[in-house]
Amino acid sequence: MMQYQGEVPPSRASDAEREHVLDLLRAAAVEGRLSHETFVLRMELVLAARSHAQLRSAVEDLPGAEVVPPAAEVVPPAATPGGLRRFLRRAAAAPVGLATRVRRRYRVRRLPVLALPPAGSQTLVIGRAPGSGLRLSHETVSRSHAVLTCAADGWSLRDLSSLNGTLVNGRRLVGQAPVRPGDWVAFGRMHFRLAAP
């Protein structure tokens, strides 16, 4: 395999130029001049580009976009923390992460409300057993599924080695975790939004 010695030939796009074009695309997306789909397609084009002409084609319709940045702005990717890959991961994940958070918040607001007991209450056992403080009649809930305990700084929830597990805000509970109003909890397939007493 042949390797170049010394500088990159002038006809080939450098990593610094590629990163500059990606910055231009990101700025255009933030300003609303590019849709998310167009931004992703052009980002893929820039990553595959080998020449200046291919880089230019990704931003030619954007006003004031120059492919070759001024010499003072060229920063080698090795000098940037995390480089080009970290930037691309963040740029691609940001809209998806936002949409996921909005959907999750919307779903959590629509869940049935489970009011926490007043402060100073006894420990509350949650399960399917007849003697449970909170009895949940669902096949995915264990007989003794979880326990809710009042502490000095609020409530904490602990799973009692249930078969289908206990979730707090989408994460499986291992050991004990603090809970407060607004949290989303799940005992097996029964989901609730915690509310103040």
C-alpha atoms as a PDB file:
ATOM      1  CA  MET A   1       0.000   0.000   0.000  1.00  0.00           C
ATOM      2  CA  MET A   2       1.410   3.371  -1.022  1.00  0.00           C
ATOM      3  CA  GLN A   3       1.622   6.129   1.575  1.00  0.00           C
ATOM      4  CA  TYR A   4       2.224   9.820   0.996  1.00  0.00           C
ATOM      5  CA  GLN A   5       5.385  11.234   2.439  1.00  0.00           C
ATOM      6  CA  GLY A   6       5.292  14.863   3.566  1.00  0.00           C
ATOM      7  CA  GLU A   7       2.316  17.129   2.805  1.00  0.00           C
ATOM      8  CA  VAL A   8      -1.070  16.168   1.384  1.00  0.00           C
ATOM      9  CA  PRO A   9      -1.332  16.958  -2.361  1.00  0.00           C
ATOM     10  CA  PRO A  10      -3.180  20.250  -2.950  1.00  0.00           C
ATOM     11  CA  SER A  11      -6.011  18.623  -4.971  1.00  0.00           C
ATOM     12  CA  ARG A  12      -6.989  16.386  -2.036  1.00  0.00           C
ATOM     13  CA  ALA A  13      -9.257  17.753   0.719  1.00  0.00           C
ATOM     14  CA  SER A  14      -7.562  17.926   4.113  1.00  0.00           C
ATOM     15  CA  ASP A  15      -9.150  16.975   7.423  1.00  0.00           C
ATOM     16  CA  ALA A  16      -9.057  20.630   8.500  1.00  0.00           C
ATOM     17  CA  GLU A  17     -10.996  21.676   5.387  1.00  0.00           C
ATOM     18  CA  ARG A  18     -13.473  18.855   5.925  1.00  0.00           C
ATOM     19  CA  GLU A  19     -13.991  19.950   9.525  1.00  0.00           C
ATOM     20  CA  HIS A  20     -14.469  23.564   8.403  1.00  0.00           C
ATOM     21  CA  VAL A  21     -17.203  22.507   5.947  1.00  0.00           C
ATOM     22  CA  LEU A  22     -18.894  20.478   8.686  1.00  0.00           C
ATOM     23  CA  ASP A  23     -18.878  23.616  10.874  1.00  0.00           C
ATOM     24  CA  LEU A  24     -20.549  25.537   8.027  1.00  0.00           C
ATOM     25  CA  LEU A  25     -23.218  22.830   7.710  1.00  0.00           C
ATOM     26  CA  ARG A  26     -23.819  22.784  11.441  1.00  0.00           C
ATOM     27  CA  ALA A  27     -24.222  26.580  11.531  1.00  0.00           C
ATOM     28  CA  ALA A  28     -26.680  26.407   8.615  1.00  0.00           C
ATOM     29  CA  ALA A  29     -28.698  23.702  10.381  1.00  0.00           C
ATOM     30  CA  VAL A  30     -28.815  25.740  13.607  1.00  0.00           C
ATOM     31  CA  GLU A  31     -29.999  28.813  11.672  1.00  0.00           C
ATOM     32  CA  GLY A  32     -32.742  26.731  10.045  1.00  0.00           C
ATOM     33  CA  ARG A  33     -31.365  26.901   6.497  1.00  0.00           C
ATOM     34  CA  LEU A  34     -30.973  23.086   6.360  1.00  0.00           C
ATOM     35  CA  SER A  35     -33.376  20.409   7.515  1.00  0.00           C
ATOM     36  CA  HIS A  36     -32.082  17.613   9.722  1.00  0.00           C
ATOM     37  CA  GLU A  37     -32.264  15.104   6.842  1.00  0.00           C
ATOM     38  CA  THR A  38     -30.362  17.417   4.487  1.00  0.00           C
ATOM     39  CA  PHE A  39     -27.763  18.082   7.181  1.00  0.00           C
ATOM     40  CA  VAL A  40     -27.177  14.342   7.689  1.00  0.00           C
ATOM     41  CA  LEU A  41     -26.956  13.644   3.931  1.00  0.00           C
ATOM     42  CA  ARG A  42     -24.496  16.472   3.382  1.00  0.00           C
ATOM     43  CA  MET A  43     -22.465  15.431   6.409  1.00  0.00           C
ATOM     44  CA  GLU A  44     -22.075  11.973   4.867  1.00  0.00           C
ATOM     45  CA  LEU A  45     -21.057  13.580   1.576  1.00  0.00           C
ATOM     46  CA  VAL A  46     -18.391  15.666   3.326  1.00  0.00           C
ATOM     47  CA  LEU A  47     -17.010  12.649   5.189  1.00  0.00           C
ATOM     48  CA  ALA A  48     -16.656  10.731   1.925  1.00  0.00           C
ATOM     49  CA  ALA A  49     -15.252  13.726  -0.016  1.00  0.00           C
ATOM     50  CA  ARG A  50     -11.757  13.382  -1.430  1.00  0.00           C
ATOM     51  CA  SER A  51     -11.481  16.615  -3.386  1.00  0.00           C
ATOM     52  CA  HIS A  52     -12.189  20.312  -2.956  1.00  0.00           C
ATOM     53  CA  ALA A  53     -14.904  20.044  -5.629  1.00  0.00           C
ATOM     54  CA  GLN A  54     -16.793  17.476  -3.564  1.00  0.00           C
ATOM     55  CA  LEU A  55     -16.525  19.686  -0.466  1.00  0.00           C
ATOM     56  CA  ARG A  56     -17.748  22.708  -2.454  1.00  0.00           C
ATOM     57  CA  SER A  57     -20.799  20.778  -3.674  1.00  0.00           C
ATOM     58  CA  ALA A  58     -21.942  20.276  -0.058  1.00  0.00           C
ATOM     59  CA  VAL A  59     -22.100  24.022   0.690  1.00  0.00           C
ATOM     60  CA  GLU A  60     -22.370  25.735  -2.716  1.00  0.00           C
ATOM     61  CA  ASP A  61     -25.992  26.819  -2.110  1.00  0.00           C
ATOM     62  CA  LEU A  62     -25.230  28.347   1.298  1.00  0.00           C
ATOM     63  CA  PRO A  63     -24.576  32.094   1.177  1.00  0.00           C
ATOM     64  CA  GLY A  64     -21.023  33.141   2.069  1.00  0.00           C
ATOM     65  CA  ALA A  65     -19.706  29.595   2.477  1.00  0.00           C
ATOM     66  CA  GLU A  66     -16.069  29.159   1.537  1.00  0.00           C
ATOM     67  CA  VAL A  67     -14.560  25.699   1.401  1.00  0.00           C
ATOM     68  CA  VAL A  68     -10.992  26.656   2.210  1.00  0.00           C
ATOM     69  CA  PRO A  69     -10.834  28.417   5.592  1.00  0.00           C
ATOM     70  CA  PRO A  70      -8.362  31.221   6.198  1.00  0.00           C
ATOM     71  CA  ALA A  71      -4.937  29.963   7.296  1.00  0.00           C
ATOM     72  CA  ALA A  72      -5.462  31.258  10.851  1.00  0.00           C
ATOM     73  CA  GLU A  73      -8.591  29.108  11.255  1.00  0.00           C
ATOM     74  CA  VAL A  74      -7.044  25.819  10.117  1.00  0.00           C
ATOM     75  CA  VAL A  75      -6.663  23.614  13.188  1.00  0.00           C
ATOM     76  CA  PRO A  76      -5.273  20.122  12.732  1.00  0.00           C
ATOM     77  CA  PRO A  77      -7.793  17.503  13.965  1.00  0.00           C
ATOM     78  CA  ALA A  78      -5.176  16.028  16.286  1.00  0.00           C
ATOM     79  CA  ALA A  79      -5.050  19.336  18.156  1.00  0.00           C
ATOM     80  CA  THR A  80      -8.773  19.349  18.881  1.00  0.00           C
ATOM     81  CA  PRO A  81      -9.969  17.329  21.883  1.00  0.00           C
ATOM     82  CA  GLY A  82     -11.699  14.226  20.523  1.00  0.00           C
ATOM     83  CA  GLY A  83     -11.345  15.401  16.950  1.00  0.00           C
ATOM     84  CA  LEU A  84     -13.759  15.014  14.126  1.00  0.00           C
ATOM     85  CA  ARG A  85     -15.412  11.790  15.289  1.00  0.00           C
ATOM     86  CA  ARG A  86     -16.576  13.249  18.609  1.00  0.00           C
ATOM     87  CA  PHE A  87     -18.026  16.285  16.814  1.00  0.00           C
ATOM     88  CA  LEU A  88     -19.905  14.081  14.360  1.00  0.00           C
ATOM     89  CA  ARG A  89     -21.301  11.848  17.079  1.00  0.00           C
ATOM     90  CA  ARG A  90     -22.579  14.866  19.016  1.00  0.00           C
ATOM     91  CA  ALA A  91     -23.973  16.563  15.900  1.00  0.00           C
ATOM     92  CA  ALA A  92     -25.808  13.457  14.760  1.00  0.00           C
ATOM     93  CA  ALA A  93     -27.124  12.524  18.216  1.00  0.00           C
ATOM     94  CA  ALA A  94     -28.310  15.975  19.342  1.00  0.00           C
ATOM     95  CA  PRO A  95     -31.636  16.094  17.430  1.00  0.00           C
ATOM     96  CA  VAL A  96     -32.331  12.419  18.178  1.00  0.00           C
ATOM     97  CA  GLY A  97     -31.600  12.927  21.884  1.00  0.00           C
ATOM     98  CA  LEU A  98     -33.936  15.921  21.995  1.00  0.00           C
ATOM     99  CA  ALA A  99     -36.758  14.021  20.290  1.00  0.00           C
ATOM    100  CA  THR A 100     -36.298  11.086  22.654  1.00  0.00           C
ATOM    101  CA  ARG A 101     -36.426  13.343  25.715  1.00  0.00           C
ATOM    102  CA  VAL A 102     -39.590  15.086  24.463  1.00  0.00           C
ATOM    103  CA  ARG A 103     -41.320  11.758  23.735  1.00  0.00           C
ATOM    104  CA  ARG A 104     -40.329  10.348  27.141  1.00  0.00           C
ATOM    105  CA  ARG A 105     -41.624  13.445  28.952  1.00  0.00           C
ATOM    106  CA  TYR A 106     -44.896  13.265  27.079  1.00  0.00           C
ATOM    107  CA  ARG A 107     -45.331   9.561  27.914  1.00  0.00           C
ATOM    108  CA  VAL A 108     -44.437  10.077  31.576  1.00  0.00           C
ATOM    109  CA  ARG A 109     -47.078  12.822  31.921  1.00  0.00           C
ATOM    110  CA  ARG A 110     -49.715  10.423  30.612  1.00  0.00           C
ATOM    111  CA  LEU A 111     -48.874   7.646  33.103  1.00  0.00           C
ATOM    112  CA  PRO A 112     -51.212   6.867  36.005  1.00  0.00           C
ATOM    113  CA  VAL A 113     -50.280   8.808  39.133  1.00  0.00           C
ATOM    114  CA  LEU A 114     -49.010   7.042  42.237  1.00  0.00           C
ATOM    115  CA  ALA A 115     -49.049   9.371  45.254  1.00  0.00           C
ATOM    116  CA  LEU A 116     -46.191   8.937  47.684  1.00  0.00           C
ATOM    117  CA  PRO A 117     -47.315   8.350  51.281  1.00  0.00           C
ATOM    118  CA  PRO A 118     -46.994  11.318  53.656  1.00  0.00           C
ATOM    119  CA  ALA A 119     -43.639  11.855  55.388  1.00  0.00           C
ATOM    120  CA  GLY A 120     -43.205   9.752  58.508  1.00  0.00           C
ATOM    121  CA  SER A 121     -45.258   6.859  57.137  1.00  0.00           C
ATOM    122  CA  GLN A 122     -44.255   3.250  57.635  1.00  0.00           C
ATOM    123  CA  THR A 123     -42.329   1.231  55.090  1.00  0.00           C
ATOM    124  CA  LEU A 124     -44.583   0.340  52.176  1.00  0.00           C
ATOM    125  CA  VAL A 125     -44.235  -3.098  50.566  1.00  0.00           C
ATOM    126  CA  ILE A 126     -45.317  -3.180  46.908  1.00  0.00           C
ATOM    127  CA  GLY A 127     -46.380  -6.475  45.358  1.00  0.00           C
ATOM    128  CA  ARG A 128     -49.094  -8.939  44.410  1.00  0.00           C
ATOM    129  CA  ALA A 129     -49.420 -10.557  47.844  1.00  0.00           C
ATOM    130  CA  PRO A 130     -52.677  -9.867  49.752  1.00  0.00           C
ATOM    131  CA  GLY A 131     -50.826  -8.293  52.713  1.00  0.00           C
ATOM    132  CA  SER A 132     -48.875  -5.752  50.587  1.00  0.00           C
ATOM    133  CA  GLY A 133     -49.227  -2.078  51.478  1.00  0.00           C
ATOM    134  CA  LEU A 134     -49.676  -1.364  47.762  1.00  0.00           C
ATOM    135  CA  ARG A 135     -51.214  -4.351  46.028  1.00  0.00           C
ATOM    136  CA  LEU A 136     -50.716  -4.520  42.260  1.00  0.00           C
ATOM    137  CA  SER A 137     -52.681  -7.342  40.615  1.00  0.00           C
ATOM    138  CA  HIS A 138     -50.638  -7.916  37.477  1.00  0.00           C
ATOM    139  CA  GLU A 139     -48.862 -11.091  36.346  1.00  0.00           C
ATOM    140  CA  THR A 140     -45.527  -9.247  35.864  1.00  0.00           C
ATOM    141  CA  VAL A 141     -45.491  -8.038  39.489  1.00  0.00           C
ATOM    142  CA  SER A 142     -43.891 -10.396  42.045  1.00  0.00           C
ATOM    143  CA  ARG A 143     -45.638 -11.237  45.323  1.00  0.00           C
ATOM    144  CA  SER A 144     -43.133  -9.036  47.183  1.00  0.00           C
ATOM    145  CA  HIS A 145     -41.784  -6.842  44.412  1.00  0.00           C
ATOM    146  CA  ALA A 146     -40.290  -3.697  45.998  1.00  0.00           C
ATOM    147  CA  VAL A 147     -40.267  -1.667  49.185  1.00  0.00           C
ATOM    148  CA  LEU A 148     -40.689   2.088  49.580  1.00  0.00           C
ATOM    149  CA  THR A 149     -38.964   3.488  52.664  1.00  0.00           C
ATOM    150  CA  CYS A 150     -39.208   6.916  54.236  1.00  0.00           C
ATOM    151  CA  ALA A 151     -35.802   8.478  55.000  1.00  0.00           C
ATOM    152  CA  ALA A 152     -34.840  11.816  56.526  1.00  0.00           C
ATOM    153  CA  ASP A 153     -34.239  13.341  53.081  1.00  0.00           C
ATOM    154  CA  GLY A 154     -37.255  11.771  51.317  1.00  0.00           C
ATOM    155  CA  TRP A 155     -38.307   8.409  49.955  1.00  0.00           C
ATOM    156  CA  SER A 156     -36.141   5.571  48.655  1.00  0.00           C
ATOM    157  CA  LEU A 157     -37.161   2.549  46.630  1.00  0.00           C
ATOM    158  CA  ARG A 158     -35.537  -0.913  46.779  1.00  0.00           C
ATOM    159  CA  ASP A 159     -36.245  -3.931  44.599  1.00  0.00           C
ATOM    160  CA  LEU A 160     -36.866  -7.174  46.519  1.00  0.00           C
ATOM    161  CA  SER A 161     -35.209  -9.469  43.934  1.00  0.00           C
ATOM    162  CA  SER A 162     -38.339  -9.411  41.796  1.00  0.00           C
ATOM    163  CA  LEU A 163     -38.449 -11.506  38.647  1.00  0.00           C
ATOM    164  CA  ASN A 164     -39.298  -8.677  36.231  1.00  0.00           C
ATOM    165  CA  GLY A 165     -37.418  -5.918  38.045  1.00  0.00           C
ATOM    166  CA  THR A 166     -38.140  -2.379  39.124  1.00  0.00           C
ATOM    167  CA  LEU A 167     -37.322   0.652  36.977  1.00  0.00           C
ATOM    168  CA  VAL A 168     -36.722   4.225  38.119  1.00  0.00           C
ATOM    169  CA  ASN A 169     -36.724   6.773  35.281  1.00  0.00           C
ATOM    170  CA  GLY A 170     -36.097   4.027  32.740  1.00  0.00           C
ATOM    171  CA  ARG A 171     -33.143   2.401  34.521  1.00  0.00           C
ATOM    172  CA  ARG A 172     -33.311  -0.956  36.217  1.00  0.00           C
ATOM    173  CA  LEU A 173     -33.013  -0.587  39.958  1.00  0.00           C
ATOM    174  CA  VAL A 174     -30.049  -2.343  41.550  1.00  0.00           C
ATOM    175  CA  GLY A 175     -29.991  -1.898  45.299  1.00  0.00           C
ATOM    176  CA  GLN A 176     -31.709   1.224  46.592  1.00  0.00           C
ATOM    177  CA  ALA A 177     -32.394   4.561  44.906  1.00  0.00           C
ATOM    178  CA  PRO A 178     -33.984   7.829  46.047  1.00  0.00           C
ATOM    179  CA  VAL A 179     -37.326   8.715  44.447  1.00  0.00           C
ATOM    180  CA  ARG A 180     -39.269  11.956  44.420  1.00  0.00           C
ATOM    181  CA  PRO A 181     -42.431  13.402  42.847  1.00  0.00           C
ATOM    182  CA  GLY A 182     -42.218  13.457  39.050  1.00  0.00           C
ATOM    183  CA  ASP A 183     -40.121  10.283  38.796  1.00  0.00           C
ATOM    184  CA  TRP A 184     -41.302   7.470  36.551  1.00  0.00           C
ATOM    185  CA  VAL A 185     -41.312   4.038  38.207  1.00  0.00           C
ATOM    186  CA  ALA A 186     -42.207   0.614  36.862  1.00  0.00           C
ATOM    187  CA  PHE A 187     -42.935  -2.603  38.737  1.00  0.00           C
ATOM    188  CA  GLY A 188     -42.829  -5.302  36.078  1.00  0.00           C
ATOM    189  CA  ARG A 189     -45.021  -3.861  33.320  1.00  0.00           C
ATOM    190  CA  MET A 190     -46.984  -1.537  35.583  1.00  0.00           C
ATOM    191  CA  HIS A 191     -45.761   2.035  35.084  1.00  0.00           C
ATOM    192  CA  PHE A 192     -46.537   5.044  37.296  1.00  0.00           C
ATOM    193  CA  ARG A 193     -45.602   8.664  37.724  1.00  0.00           C
ATOM    194  CA  LEU A 194     -44.868   9.519  41.338  1.00  0.00           C
ATOM    195  CA  ALA A 195     -46.668  12.502  42.828  1.00  0.00           C
ATOM    196  CA  ALA A 196     -46.466  14.389  46.112  1.00  0.00           C
ATOM    197  CA  PRO A 197     -48.732  13.132  48.915  1.00  0.00           C
END
